[in-house]
Amino acid sequence: MSDDKQTPDGGTEETFISHLIELRNRIIRAGAAVIVVFLSLVYWAPDIFRLLSRPLTQSLPAGGKMIVTDITGSFFVPMKVTMMVAFVIALPIVLYQAWAFVAPGLYQHEKKLVFPLVVSSYSLFLIGMAFAYFLVFPTVFHFMAHYNAPLGAEMNTDIDNYVSFVLTMFLCFGVTFEVPVVVVVLARMGVVSIEKLKQIRPYVIVGAFVLAAVVTPPDMLSQLMLAIPLCILYELGLIAARIFVKQGHTNEEKENGQATP
């Protein structure tokens, strides 16, 4: 008896392997894009770090400075910052690779929805980072630096701790500025109705202030600078959700009408 039997799921296994190969290639291309941008910026790593630390250095009192407590900190901290900048710059390519991988499995109306959501997500993330850098950081650092004066304490911040704080705040503000996208996706997929999203508005407002109290420094001003934009972004998300949900239903009706003879 011959052992050369055709497995009934052979085609499925072959398709699965081809998907894995494509996913690997997409990841390699995305990683290569980040590395290329990083290598292009690495020469200016000290300048990039000085630009990142400007909100703090401008708020320090006379004689205040940043310090290095780790032997390798003066080298690796600017590299870490440069890698973050490279990732943000190359993020459109990374998102495109992810889009190219999942696009064949999407319906036509879903493809039309994904592109504006990806563009808006990237734009809102950048806006959140810019909001933190230009408005929140100067306010917080000015308050904290001058709060030490009555105590007779001198503020000398380690660069590694500073970068960790800044990256955490960038991530918090960048993610929280994605609220409109989250609202649109939940409403468009039918997970939550727009009416329900309106009903939970008071809980969202309370949650915004609780989140702001957890992720921001303890001063009231910085907490308000996160909580108030969150509430405004939620309202913008409700407006966008009504538009996208209405357009989505119209597109689906057209596709169903074309599919039926």
Protein backbone atom coordinates (compact mmCIF):
# COMPACT_ATOMS: atom_id res chain seq x y z
CA MET A 1 0.00 0.00 0.00
CA SER A 2 1.37 3.37 -0.92
CA ASP A 3 2.07 5.90 1.86
CA ASP A 4 1.62 8.91 -0.46
CA LYS A 5 -1.81 9.92 0.80
CA GLN A 6 -3.31 13.32 0.17
CA THR A 7 -4.31 14.86 3.49
CA PRO A 8 -7.72 16.52 3.33
CA ASP A 9 -6.39 19.61 5.12
CA GLY A 10 -3.20 19.86 3.10
CA GLY A 11 -4.43 22.96 1.34
CA THR A 12 -5.29 24.59 4.67
CA GLU A 13 -1.82 23.85 6.05
CA GLU A 14 -0.21 25.28 2.94
CA THR A 15 -2.32 28.43 3.22
CA PHE A 16 -1.45 28.78 6.91
CA ILE A 17 2.27 28.49 6.17
CA SER A 18 2.03 31.04 3.37
CA HIS A 19 0.31 33.45 5.78
CA LEU A 20 3.09 32.95 8.30
CA ILE A 21 5.70 33.64 5.65
CA GLU A 22 3.88 36.80 4.58
CA LEU A 23 3.56 37.92 8.21
CA ARG A 24 7.29 37.38 8.71
CA ASN A 25 8.08 39.44 5.62
CA ARG A 26 5.78 42.24 6.75
CA ILE A 27 7.40 42.32 10.19
CA ILE A 28 10.88 42.37 8.66
CA ARG A 29 9.94 45.27 6.40
CA ALA A 30 8.43 47.22 9.27
CA GLY A 31 11.46 46.59 11.47
CA ALA A 32 13.81 47.52 8.64
CA ALA A 33 11.99 50.82 8.18
CA VAL A 34 12.45 51.67 11.87
CA ILE A 35 16.14 50.71 11.77
CA VAL A 36 16.79 52.76 8.62
CA VAL A 37 15.21 55.85 10.19
CA PHE A 38 17.12 55.24 13.43
CA LEU A 39 20.47 54.98 11.62
CA SER A 40 19.62 58.18 9.74
CA LEU A 41 19.03 60.03 13.03
CA VAL A 42 21.64 58.47 15.31
CA TYR A 43 24.25 61.15 14.51
CA TRP A 44 21.93 63.78 15.96
CA ALA A 45 21.02 61.73 19.06
CA PRO A 46 22.45 64.31 21.54
CA ASP A 47 20.54 67.10 19.80
CA ILE A 48 17.34 65.08 19.87
CA PHE A 49 17.77 64.48 23.59
CA ARG A 50 18.39 68.18 24.24
CA LEU A 51 15.22 68.98 22.33
CA LEU A 52 13.29 66.46 24.42
CA SER A 53 14.70 67.83 27.69
CA ARG A 54 14.05 71.49 26.81
CA PRO A 55 10.72 71.72 28.71
CA LEU A 56 12.55 70.71 31.90
CA THR A 57 15.76 72.66 31.45
CA GLN A 58 13.81 75.85 30.74
CA SER A 59 11.81 75.39 33.94
CA LEU A 60 14.77 74.71 36.24
CA PRO A 61 15.85 77.54 38.54
CA ALA A 62 19.30 79.09 38.21
CA GLY A 63 21.96 76.46 38.81
CA GLY A 64 19.62 73.54 38.21
CA LYS A 65 20.83 70.83 35.85
CA MET A 66 20.29 67.27 34.72
CA ILE A 67 22.65 64.59 36.00
CA VAL A 68 23.77 61.09 35.02
CA THR A 69 23.81 58.46 37.77
CA ASP A 70 24.53 55.47 35.51
CA ILE A 71 27.92 54.98 33.85
CA THR A 72 26.39 54.18 30.46
CA GLY A 73 23.42 56.52 30.82
CA SER A 74 24.94 59.36 28.78
CA PHE A 75 25.18 56.99 25.78
CA PHE A 76 22.13 54.75 26.02
CA VAL A 77 19.55 57.35 27.06
CA PRO A 78 19.97 59.46 23.87
CA MET A 79 19.89 56.22 21.87
CA LYS A 80 16.62 55.26 23.53
CA VAL A 81 15.12 58.65 22.71
CA THR A 82 16.31 58.44 19.11
CA MET A 83 14.81 54.99 18.72
CA MET A 84 11.48 56.31 19.99
CA VAL A 85 11.59 59.16 17.47
CA ALA A 86 12.52 56.72 14.69
CA PHE A 87 9.57 54.50 15.56
CA VAL A 88 7.15 57.43 15.51
CA ILE A 89 8.48 58.61 12.13
CA ALA A 90 8.37 55.11 10.63
CA LEU A 91 4.97 54.31 12.14
CA PRO A 92 3.08 55.00 8.85
CA ILE A 93 5.17 52.30 7.17
CA VAL A 94 4.56 49.92 10.08
CA LEU A 95 0.83 50.57 9.88
CA TYR A 96 0.87 50.10 6.11
CA GLN A 97 2.53 46.68 6.50
CA ALA A 98 -0.15 45.68 9.00
CA TRP A 99 -2.84 46.96 6.66
CA ALA A 100 -1.39 45.10 3.67
CA PHE A 101 -1.43 41.86 5.67
CA VAL A 102 -5.07 42.03 6.80
CA ALA A 103 -6.57 43.83 3.78
CA PRO A 104 -7.23 40.67 1.65
CA GLY A 105 -9.58 39.35 4.34
CA LEU A 106 -11.69 42.51 4.59
CA TYR A 107 -14.87 43.45 2.79
CA GLN A 108 -14.87 46.49 0.53
CA HIS A 109 -16.75 48.71 3.00
CA GLU A 110 -14.38 47.62 5.77
CA LYS A 111 -11.38 48.61 3.65
CA LYS A 112 -12.90 52.04 3.15
CA LEU A 113 -13.29 52.36 6.93
CA VAL A 114 -9.82 51.16 7.90
CA PHE A 115 -7.83 53.79 6.00
CA PRO A 116 -9.42 56.87 7.65
CA LEU A 117 -9.24 55.15 11.03
CA VAL A 118 -5.52 54.43 10.64
CA VAL A 119 -4.78 57.97 9.47
CA SER A 120 -6.84 59.50 12.27
CA SER A 121 -5.25 57.20 14.86
CA TYR A 122 -1.74 58.22 13.82
CA SER A 123 -2.67 61.90 13.69
CA LEU A 124 -4.38 61.84 17.09
CA PHE A 125 -1.41 60.04 18.65
CA LEU A 126 0.94 62.74 17.36
CA ILE A 127 -1.44 65.46 18.57
CA GLY A 128 -1.50 63.84 22.01
CA MET A 129 2.30 63.80 22.16
CA ALA A 130 2.50 67.42 20.98
CA PHE A 131 -0.09 68.44 23.56
CA ALA A 132 1.99 66.83 26.31
CA TYR A 133 5.27 68.35 25.08
CA PHE A 134 4.15 71.93 24.45
CA LEU A 135 1.49 72.40 27.14
CA VAL A 136 1.62 69.76 29.87
CA PHE A 137 5.38 69.40 30.37
CA PRO A 138 6.17 73.12 30.79
CA THR A 139 3.30 73.48 33.25
CA VAL A 140 4.20 70.41 35.30
CA PHE A 141 7.96 71.06 35.36
CA HIS A 142 7.50 74.74 36.24
CA PHE A 143 5.27 73.77 39.15
CA MET A 144 7.55 70.98 40.43
CA ALA A 145 10.79 72.95 40.04
CA HIS A 146 9.53 75.99 41.91
CA TYR A 147 7.74 73.89 44.52
CA ASN A 148 11.18 72.83 45.79
CA ALA A 149 12.28 76.42 46.49
CA PRO A 150 10.39 76.85 49.80
CA LEU A 151 11.85 73.54 50.96
CA GLY A 152 15.41 74.64 50.24
CA ALA A 153 15.83 71.59 47.99
CA GLU A 154 17.81 71.65 44.75
CA MET A 155 16.29 69.85 41.78
CA ASN A 156 18.83 67.72 39.86
CA THR A 157 17.02 65.16 37.73
CA ASP A 158 18.63 61.99 36.41
CA ILE A 159 18.31 61.80 32.62
CA ASP A 160 17.19 58.16 32.67
CA ASN A 161 14.37 58.89 35.13
CA TYR A 162 13.40 61.94 33.09
CA VAL A 163 13.18 59.95 29.83
CA SER A 164 11.14 57.22 31.53
CA PHE A 165 8.73 59.85 32.82
CA VAL A 166 8.46 61.57 29.44
CA LEU A 167 7.92 58.34 27.52
CA THR A 168 5.22 57.29 29.98
CA MET A 169 3.45 60.64 29.60
CA PHE A 170 3.77 60.51 25.80
CA LEU A 171 2.20 57.07 25.80
CA CYS A 172 -0.59 58.10 28.18
CA PHE A 173 -1.53 61.23 26.23
CA GLY A 174 -1.08 59.54 22.85
CA VAL A 175 -3.34 56.64 23.82
CA THR A 176 -5.97 58.80 25.53
CA PHE A 177 -6.23 60.97 22.43
CA GLU A 178 -7.37 57.83 20.59
CA VAL A 179 -10.74 58.05 22.36
CA PRO A 180 -12.63 59.23 19.22
CA VAL A 181 -11.28 56.28 17.23
CA VAL A 182 -12.29 53.82 19.96
CA VAL A 183 -15.80 55.29 20.11
CA VAL A 184 -16.19 55.09 16.32
CA VAL A 185 -14.97 51.48 16.17
CA LEU A 186 -17.25 50.35 19.01
CA ALA A 187 -20.27 52.01 17.40
CA ARG A 188 -19.42 50.90 13.86
CA MET A 189 -18.95 47.25 14.87
CA GLY A 190 -22.21 47.28 16.81
CA VAL A 191 -20.56 46.50 20.15
CA VAL A 192 -22.21 49.53 21.76
CA SER A 193 -24.98 51.68 20.32
CA ILE A 194 -24.63 55.43 20.03
CA GLU A 195 -27.55 55.87 22.41
CA LYS A 196 -25.76 53.76 25.01
CA LEU A 197 -22.57 55.78 24.55
CA LYS A 198 -24.58 58.92 25.24
CA GLN A 199 -26.10 57.38 28.36
CA ILE A 200 -22.72 56.49 29.88
CA ARG A 201 -21.37 60.02 29.33
CA PRO A 202 -21.42 60.85 33.11
CA TYR A 203 -19.40 57.72 33.89
CA VAL A 204 -16.90 58.61 31.15
CA ILE A 205 -16.42 62.07 32.66
CA VAL A 206 -15.80 60.61 36.12
CA GLY A 207 -13.46 58.01 34.62
CA ALA A 208 -11.53 60.72 32.77
CA PHE A 209 -10.82 62.58 36.02
CA VAL A 210 -9.89 59.36 37.82
CA LEU A 211 -7.52 58.37 35.01
CA ALA A 212 -5.99 61.84 34.98
CA ALA A 213 -5.40 61.65 38.73
CA VAL A 214 -3.62 58.31 38.34
CA VAL A 215 -1.34 58.95 35.35
CA THR A 216 -0.41 62.62 35.86
CA PRO A 217 1.62 64.33 38.61
CA PRO A 218 -0.33 65.31 41.73
CA ASP A 219 -0.96 68.95 40.80
CA MET A 220 -4.53 69.83 39.87
CA LEU A 221 -3.61 71.76 36.73
CA SER A 222 -1.96 68.85 34.93
CA GLN A 223 -4.88 66.59 35.87
CA LEU A 224 -7.33 69.05 34.35
CA MET A 225 -5.15 69.28 31.23
CA LEU A 226 -5.72 65.56 30.64
CA ALA A 227 -9.29 65.13 31.91
CA ILE A 228 -10.85 68.03 30.00
CA PRO A 229 -9.42 67.00 26.58
CA LEU A 230 -10.61 63.45 27.27
CA CYS A 231 -14.17 64.66 27.75
CA ILE A 232 -13.99 66.82 24.62
CA LEU A 233 -12.53 63.95 22.58
CA TYR A 234 -15.33 61.67 23.75
CA GLU A 235 -17.89 64.14 22.44
CA LEU A 236 -16.02 64.38 19.13
CA GLY A 237 -16.04 60.58 18.98
CA LEU A 238 -19.83 60.56 19.34
CA ILE A 239 -20.18 63.02 16.46
CA ALA A 240 -17.80 61.02 14.25
CA ALA A 241 -19.55 57.77 15.18
CA ARG A 242 -22.90 59.05 13.96
CA ILE A 243 -21.30 59.97 10.62
CA PHE A 244 -19.41 56.71 10.13
CA VAL A 245 -22.25 54.46 11.27
CA LYS A 246 -24.67 56.17 8.86
CA GLN A 247 -22.18 55.89 5.98
CA GLY A 248 -21.47 52.26 6.86
CA HIS A 249 -25.13 51.29 6.73
CA THR A 250 -25.50 53.06 3.37
CA ASN A 251 -22.48 51.23 1.90
CA GLU A 252 -23.68 47.86 3.16
CA GLU A 253 -27.12 48.42 1.65
CA LYS A 254 -25.53 49.29 -1.69
CA GLU A 255 -23.32 46.18 -1.63
CA ASN A 256 -26.26 43.96 -0.71
CA GLY A 257 -28.33 45.52 -3.49
CA GLN A 258 -25.59 44.82 -6.01
CA ALA A 259 -25.13 41.25 -4.78
CA THR A 260 -28.81 40.33 -5.21
CA PRO A 261 -29.95 39.85 -8.84
